[in-house]
């Protein structure tokens, strides 16, 4: 790997969800006609059936038309709060291990947060102009659904690694995260839960997001790896081995003898990352000061089943029924 480094505005028609830019109007005109909803730490706008943070909408709208995929790109895709930071660290450490020893004091992951080491497509630190300057093969990341990425991602055979998480745990993690980064009043659990179940959360509905990448993994199994957060928790070494092979840099016999996969998994573990200085201090301001992302807020518990400590049994059952309904017949089960 070469790279080191709540009210809804009523719309006049449901067709506005699928509006595309045209010569008849500016992007601002388009955005003004899209449904927008308050309730989370920042407003969300519905664009092409996906809720996106309103302050980032323009950049995300540009991705499909202006991102220039390369056939050897590797894109890490996740729905928020599904283990993004962990996956980035793991993929970065594996793909760059011939250049950066985990024992080095100046290893990039010791010096900077994994979110900065692997740039987000179209987001802060991952502007499209900057991505063009990166050498191939590029290691990139996104929260965008597949439908908002250029079709060339599929036709060129770009490799995708998708990580999903059991929805109840993903929801609780999101609720905590939104309350940490927001500068306004706290978001109530009941309100957040209602919005999440309606599909209204950043990059939601979550079921559409999961299913798009799930179906892509079924149609391109050699080029799309579909992972579950729970797999990473239960057997991180096995996931490290699978990921290394998928990235085209499998662990050699000599590395296996030295236990390199175990070393990588340990270095990139939740507790290890959380205790690095680069992940304990600092952060970035976004949305004109409406949110501040402390790097430490990216690490809460990382536990499987923590939802039961926050949600009622009835809420859990309601979300389970929703998941069963939305994923029925797909082969994707939780």
Protein backbone atom coordinates (compact mmCIF):
# COMPACT_ATOMS: atom_id res chain seq x y z
CA UNK A 1 0.00 0.00 0.00
CA UNK A 2 1.62 3.22 -1.16
CA UNK A 3 -0.40 5.57 1.03
CA UNK A 4 1.03 6.54 4.40
CA UNK A 5 -0.11 9.36 5.97
CA UNK A 6 -37.85 17.54 14.72
CA UNK A 7 -39.82 18.78 12.19
CA UNK A 8 -39.84 17.90 8.55
CA UNK A 9 -40.17 20.57 5.91
CA UNK A 10 -42.90 19.38 3.64
CA UNK A 11 -41.77 18.91 0.05
CA UNK A 12 -44.11 19.49 -2.87
CA UNK A 13 -43.45 16.03 -4.23
CA UNK A 14 -41.67 12.83 -3.27
CA UNK A 15 -39.70 13.22 -6.45
CA UNK A 16 -37.55 15.83 -4.74
CA UNK A 17 -35.80 12.96 -3.02
CA UNK A 18 -34.30 12.02 -6.33
CA UNK A 19 -33.62 15.43 -7.80
CA UNK A 20 -30.32 15.82 -9.61
CA UNK A 21 -28.53 19.00 -10.42
CA UNK A 22 -29.38 20.51 -13.78
CA UNK A 23 -28.80 23.68 -15.75
CA UNK A 24 -32.23 24.90 -14.63
CA UNK A 25 -31.20 25.61 -11.10
CA UNK A 26 -28.26 26.03 -8.79
CA UNK A 27 -27.25 23.61 -6.09
CA UNK A 28 -28.65 26.03 -3.53
CA UNK A 29 -32.04 25.92 -5.24
CA UNK A 30 -31.94 22.16 -5.17
CA UNK A 31 -31.02 21.94 -1.50
CA UNK A 32 -33.80 24.39 -0.59
CA UNK A 33 -36.38 22.00 -2.02
CA UNK A 34 -35.16 18.94 -0.15
CA UNK A 35 -36.76 17.75 3.10
CA UNK A 36 -34.76 18.76 6.17
CA UNK A 37 -35.18 17.50 9.71
CA UNK A 38 -33.93 18.66 13.10
CA UNK A 39 -33.41 16.45 16.12
CA UNK A 40 -29.84 15.19 16.04
CA UNK A 41 -26.74 17.26 16.82
CA UNK A 42 -27.00 18.92 13.39
CA UNK A 43 -29.88 19.11 10.88
CA UNK A 44 -30.19 16.34 8.30
CA UNK A 45 -31.35 16.68 4.70
CA UNK A 46 -32.86 13.88 2.63
CA UNK A 47 -31.01 13.48 -0.67
CA UNK A 48 -31.60 10.51 -2.98
CA UNK A 49 -33.30 8.60 -0.14
CA UNK A 50 -30.38 9.12 2.24
CA UNK A 51 -30.27 11.47 5.25
CA UNK A 52 -27.05 13.50 5.19
CA UNK A 53 -25.77 16.20 7.50
CA UNK A 54 -27.01 19.43 5.94
CA UNK A 55 -23.73 21.29 6.34
CA UNK A 56 -21.92 18.56 4.38
CA UNK A 57 -24.59 18.02 1.75
CA UNK A 58 -22.87 19.92 -1.06
CA UNK A 59 -19.65 17.96 -0.72
CA UNK A 60 -21.45 14.63 -0.57
CA UNK A 61 -23.60 15.52 -3.58
CA UNK A 62 -20.41 16.11 -5.56
CA UNK A 63 -18.93 12.69 -4.84
CA UNK A 64 -20.96 10.66 -7.33
CA UNK A 65 -20.20 13.00 -10.23
CA UNK A 66 -16.68 14.15 -9.39
CA UNK A 67 -14.86 11.36 -7.56
CA UNK A 68 -12.57 9.57 -9.99
CA UNK A 69 -12.22 5.97 -8.79
CA UNK A 70 -9.17 3.94 -9.69
CA UNK A 71 -9.32 0.23 -10.29
CA UNK A 72 -6.91 -0.49 -7.44
CA UNK A 73 -8.71 1.69 -4.88
CA UNK A 74 -9.63 0.07 -1.57
CA UNK A 75 -12.63 1.68 0.10
CA UNK A 76 -13.57 1.01 3.71
CA UNK A 77 -17.32 1.57 4.00
CA UNK A 78 -19.28 1.69 7.23
CA UNK A 79 -22.52 2.95 8.64
CA UNK A 80 -21.63 5.34 11.50
CA UNK A 81 -20.82 3.85 14.89
CA UNK A 82 -20.10 0.41 13.52
CA UNK A 83 -16.37 0.22 14.23
CA UNK A 84 -15.06 2.68 11.65
CA UNK A 85 -12.02 3.83 13.63
CA UNK A 86 -11.09 0.24 14.45
CA UNK A 87 -11.37 -0.90 10.85
CA UNK A 88 -9.33 2.06 9.61
CA UNK A 89 -6.54 1.33 12.06
CA UNK A 90 -6.51 -2.36 11.21
CA UNK A 91 -6.48 -1.83 7.44
CA UNK A 92 -3.84 0.89 7.67
CA UNK A 93 -1.52 -1.13 9.92
CA UNK A 94 -1.83 -4.23 7.73
CA UNK A 95 -1.35 -2.50 4.39
CA UNK A 96 1.59 -0.39 5.55
CA UNK A 97 3.39 -2.90 7.75
CA UNK A 98 6.34 -3.25 5.34
CA UNK A 99 7.02 0.49 5.73
CA UNK A 100 5.98 1.17 9.31
CA UNK A 101 6.92 -1.09 12.19
CA UNK A 102 4.38 -1.18 14.98
CA UNK A 103 7.31 -0.78 17.37
CA UNK A 104 8.32 2.57 15.88
CA UNK A 105 7.60 5.54 18.09
CA UNK A 106 6.73 7.54 14.99
CA UNK A 107 4.32 5.01 13.51
CA UNK A 108 1.52 7.07 11.89
CA UNK A 109 -1.12 5.48 14.12
CA UNK A 110 0.85 6.60 17.18
CA UNK A 111 1.03 10.13 15.85
CA UNK A 112 -2.47 10.69 14.48
CA UNK A 113 -6.03 9.46 14.82
CA UNK A 114 -7.01 6.63 12.43
CA UNK A 115 -9.79 8.84 11.07
CA UNK A 116 -7.10 11.15 9.70
CA UNK A 117 -4.79 8.38 8.54
CA UNK A 118 -7.46 7.05 6.16
CA UNK A 119 -9.32 9.98 4.58
CA UNK A 120 -13.10 10.11 4.31
CA UNK A 121 -14.31 10.57 0.74
CA UNK A 122 -15.82 14.03 0.42
CA UNK A 123 -15.53 14.86 4.11
CA UNK A 124 -13.05 16.91 6.14
CA UNK A 125 -9.55 15.80 5.21
CA UNK A 126 -10.82 13.89 2.21
CA UNK A 127 -11.75 16.58 -0.28
CA UNK A 128 -11.86 15.25 -3.81
CA UNK A 129 -9.00 17.47 -4.97
CA UNK A 130 -6.77 16.09 -2.23
CA UNK A 131 -7.69 12.50 -3.00
CA UNK A 132 -6.44 13.03 -6.57
CA UNK A 133 -2.96 13.74 -5.20
CA UNK A 134 -2.67 10.43 -3.35
CA UNK A 135 -0.52 7.70 -4.91
CA UNK A 136 -2.05 4.39 -5.89
CA UNK A 137 -3.23 2.17 -4.46
CA UNK A 138 -5.35 4.47 -2.33
CA UNK A 139 -6.86 3.42 0.99
CA UNK A 140 -10.04 5.47 1.42
CA UNK A 141 -13.14 5.41 3.57
CA UNK A 142 -16.76 6.46 3.41
CA UNK A 143 -20.04 6.50 5.29
CA UNK A 144 -21.94 7.07 2.05
CA UNK A 145 -24.27 4.35 0.78
CA UNK A 146 -23.16 2.62 -2.38
CA UNK A 147 -25.85 4.46 -4.35
CA UNK A 148 -24.10 7.80 -3.73
CA UNK A 149 -20.71 6.57 -4.92
CA UNK A 150 -19.78 6.67 -8.61
CA UNK A 151 -20.92 3.59 -10.58
CA UNK A 152 -17.27 3.13 -11.61
CA UNK A 153 -16.56 1.88 -8.08
CA UNK A 154 -18.32 -1.31 -9.18
CA UNK A 155 -17.47 -1.39 -12.87
CA UNK A 156 -13.76 -0.83 -12.32
CA UNK A 157 -13.65 -3.54 -9.67
CA UNK A 158 -12.63 -1.34 -6.74
CA UNK A 159 -12.30 -3.44 -3.62
CA UNK A 160 -14.76 -2.65 -0.84
CA UNK A 161 -14.58 -3.63 2.81
CA UNK A 162 -17.95 -3.12 4.50
CA UNK A 163 -18.34 -3.29 8.27
CA UNK A 164 -21.78 -3.39 9.88
CA UNK A 165 -22.94 -3.73 13.48
CA UNK A 166 -25.94 -5.21 15.25
CA UNK A 167 -28.47 -2.35 14.98
CA UNK A 168 -29.37 -2.07 18.68
CA UNK A 169 -25.74 -1.59 19.66
CA UNK A 170 -25.16 0.72 16.70
CA UNK A 171 -28.10 2.87 17.79
CA UNK A 172 -26.94 3.20 21.40
CA UNK A 173 -23.44 4.09 20.25
CA UNK A 174 -24.87 6.73 17.92
CA UNK A 175 -27.03 8.25 20.66
CA UNK A 176 -24.07 8.59 23.01
CA UNK A 177 -21.88 9.98 20.23
CA UNK A 178 -24.39 12.62 19.14
CA UNK A 179 -24.70 13.84 22.72
CA UNK A 180 -20.92 14.07 23.03
CA UNK A 181 -20.30 16.08 19.89
CA UNK A 182 -23.32 18.38 19.98
CA UNK A 183 -23.08 21.81 21.58
CA UNK A 184 -26.83 22.11 22.17
CA UNK A 185 -29.05 20.36 24.69
CA UNK A 186 -28.97 16.58 25.16
CA UNK A 187 -30.93 14.35 22.82
CA UNK A 188 -33.41 12.15 24.63
CA UNK A 189 -33.20 8.40 24.17
CA UNK A 190 -36.86 8.08 23.17
CA UNK A 191 -36.59 10.82 20.55
CA UNK A 192 -33.39 9.40 19.12
CA UNK A 193 -34.87 5.91 19.02
CA UNK A 194 -37.96 7.10 17.16
CA UNK A 195 -35.86 8.85 14.53
CA UNK A 196 -33.53 5.89 14.12
CA UNK A 197 -36.46 3.50 13.60
CA UNK A 198 -37.94 5.91 11.04
CA UNK A 199 -34.66 5.69 9.14
CA UNK A 200 -33.73 9.25 10.01
CA UNK A 201 -30.13 9.29 11.16
CA UNK A 202 -26.99 10.43 9.42
CA UNK A 203 -26.42 8.21 6.35
CA UNK A 204 -29.66 6.37 7.11
CA UNK A 205 -31.94 4.53 6.80
CA UNK A 206 -29.49 2.03 8.25
CA UNK A 207 -31.25 -0.92 6.63
CA UNK A 208 -30.84 0.52 3.13
CA UNK A 209 -27.17 1.18 3.83
CA UNK A 210 -26.53 -2.36 5.06
CA UNK A 211 -28.49 -3.95 2.22
CA UNK A 212 -26.78 -2.03 -0.58
CA UNK A 213 -23.36 -3.29 0.44
CA UNK A 214 -24.69 -6.75 1.34
CA UNK A 215 -26.11 -7.18 -2.16
CA UNK A 216 -22.87 -5.89 -3.67
CA UNK A 217 -20.94 -8.50 -1.70
CA UNK A 218 -23.18 -11.20 -3.13
CA UNK A 219 -22.69 -9.99 -6.71
CA UNK A 220 -18.95 -9.31 -6.37
CA UNK A 221 -17.74 -11.70 -3.65
CA UNK A 222 -14.12 -11.52 -4.78
CA UNK A 223 -14.06 -7.76 -4.58
CA UNK A 224 -16.35 -6.96 -1.66
CA UNK A 225 -15.69 -8.17 1.86
CA UNK A 226 -18.68 -7.96 4.21
CA UNK A 227 -17.68 -7.94 7.87
CA UNK A 228 -19.59 -7.72 11.11
CA UNK A 229 -18.40 -5.80 14.15
CA UNK A 230 -19.16 -8.82 16.27
CA UNK A 231 -16.65 -10.87 14.24
CA UNK A 232 -13.92 -8.37 15.02
CA UNK A 233 -14.72 -8.55 18.71
CA UNK A 234 -14.85 -12.34 18.90
CA UNK A 235 -11.80 -13.14 16.74
CA UNK A 236 -9.73 -10.08 15.77
CA UNK A 237 -6.76 -12.18 14.66
CA UNK A 238 -8.87 -14.14 12.19
CA UNK A 239 -10.29 -10.88 10.85
CA UNK A 240 -6.77 -9.48 10.51
CA UNK A 241 -5.76 -12.53 8.47
CA UNK A 242 -8.83 -12.30 6.24
CA UNK A 243 -8.33 -8.59 5.75
CA UNK A 244 -4.65 -8.96 4.87
CA UNK A 245 -5.47 -11.53 2.21
CA UNK A 246 -8.26 -9.37 0.81
CA UNK A 247 -6.00 -6.31 0.65
CA UNK A 248 -3.49 -8.31 -1.38
CA UNK A 249 -0.84 -8.37 1.34
CA UNK A 250 -1.34 -11.72 3.14
CA UNK A 251 0.84 -12.53 6.09
CA UNK A 252 3.84 -14.59 5.05
CA UNK A 253 4.88 -17.81 6.72
CA UNK A 254 7.72 -15.97 8.39
CA UNK A 255 5.26 -13.38 9.71
CA UNK A 256 2.96 -16.12 10.93
CA UNK A 257 5.86 -17.67 12.80
CA UNK A 258 6.57 -14.31 14.45
CA UNK A 259 2.93 -13.79 15.34
CA UNK A 260 2.59 -10.59 13.31
CA UNK A 261 -1.18 -10.97 12.87
CA UNK A 262 -1.55 -11.20 16.64
CA UNK A 263 0.65 -8.14 17.06
CA UNK A 264 -1.41 -6.13 14.59
CA UNK A 265 -4.68 -7.21 16.20
CA UNK A 266 -3.35 -6.27 19.64
CA UNK A 267 -1.97 -2.90 18.51
CA UNK A 268 -5.28 -2.03 16.81
CA UNK A 269 -7.50 -3.30 19.60
CA UNK A 270 -10.10 -0.98 21.06
CA UNK A 271 -8.29 -0.58 24.37
CA UNK A 272 -4.89 -0.08 22.75
CA UNK A 273 -6.14 2.62 20.38
CA UNK A 274 -8.07 4.38 23.14
CA UNK A 275 -4.91 4.67 25.25
CA UNK A 276 -2.72 6.21 22.56
CA UNK A 277 -2.05 9.90 23.15
CA UNK A 278 -3.13 10.74 19.60
CA UNK A 279 -6.60 9.45 20.43
CA UNK A 280 -6.91 10.99 23.89
CA UNK A 281 -6.37 14.65 23.03
CA UNK A 282 -7.45 17.01 20.29
CA UNK A 283 -10.30 17.01 17.85
CA UNK A 284 -11.88 18.93 15.01
CA UNK A 285 -14.60 21.57 14.84
CA UNK A 286 -17.37 21.11 12.30
CA UNK A 287 -20.65 22.64 11.18
CA UNK A 288 -19.49 26.15 11.97
CA UNK A 289 -18.90 25.34 15.62
CA UNK A 290 -22.20 23.51 16.13
CA UNK A 291 -20.32 20.30 16.81
CA UNK A 292 -16.85 19.51 18.09
CA UNK A 293 -15.49 16.04 17.53
CA UNK A 294 -13.12 15.11 20.32
CA UNK A 295 -10.99 12.19 19.18
CA UNK A 296 -11.62 10.58 22.56
CA UNK A 297 -15.36 10.53 21.75
CA UNK A 298 -14.62 7.88 19.12
CA UNK A 299 -13.90 5.41 21.91
CA UNK A 300 -16.66 4.66 24.40
CA UNK A 301 -17.05 0.98 25.29
CA UNK A 302 -16.98 -1.03 22.09
CA UNK A 303 -18.91 -3.80 23.82
CA UNK A 304 -21.31 -6.24 22.19
CA UNK A 305 -24.75 -6.22 23.82
CA UNK A 306 -24.32 -2.89 25.62
CA UNK A 307 -27.73 -1.82 24.29
CA UNK A 308 -29.37 -3.73 27.14
CA UNK A 309 -27.86 -1.26 29.62
CA UNK A 310 -29.71 1.65 28.01
CA UNK A 311 -32.75 0.44 26.08
CA UNK A 312 -35.82 -1.19 27.54
CA UNK A 313 -36.71 -4.74 26.61
CA UNK A 314 -39.69 -3.38 24.68
CA UNK A 315 -37.48 -1.04 22.65
CA UNK A 316 -35.14 -3.90 21.84
CA UNK A 317 -38.02 -6.05 20.67
CA UNK A 318 -39.40 -3.21 18.54
CA UNK A 319 -36.08 -2.72 16.79
CA UNK A 320 -35.67 -6.46 16.33
CA UNK A 321 -39.05 -6.62 14.58
CA UNK A 322 -38.05 -3.73 12.33
CA UNK A 323 -34.78 -5.44 11.42
CA UNK A 324 -36.54 -8.72 10.69
CA UNK A 325 -38.99 -6.94 8.42
CA UNK A 326 -36.45 -4.82 6.56
CA UNK A 327 -33.97 -7.63 5.94
CA UNK A 328 -36.55 -10.35 5.23
CA UNK A 329 -35.54 -12.49 2.29
CA UNK A 330 -32.12 -10.88 1.89
CA UNK A 331 -30.12 -13.54 3.68
CA UNK A 332 -28.72 -10.90 6.04
CA UNK A 333 -29.72 -11.69 9.60
CA UNK A 334 -28.82 -10.41 13.07
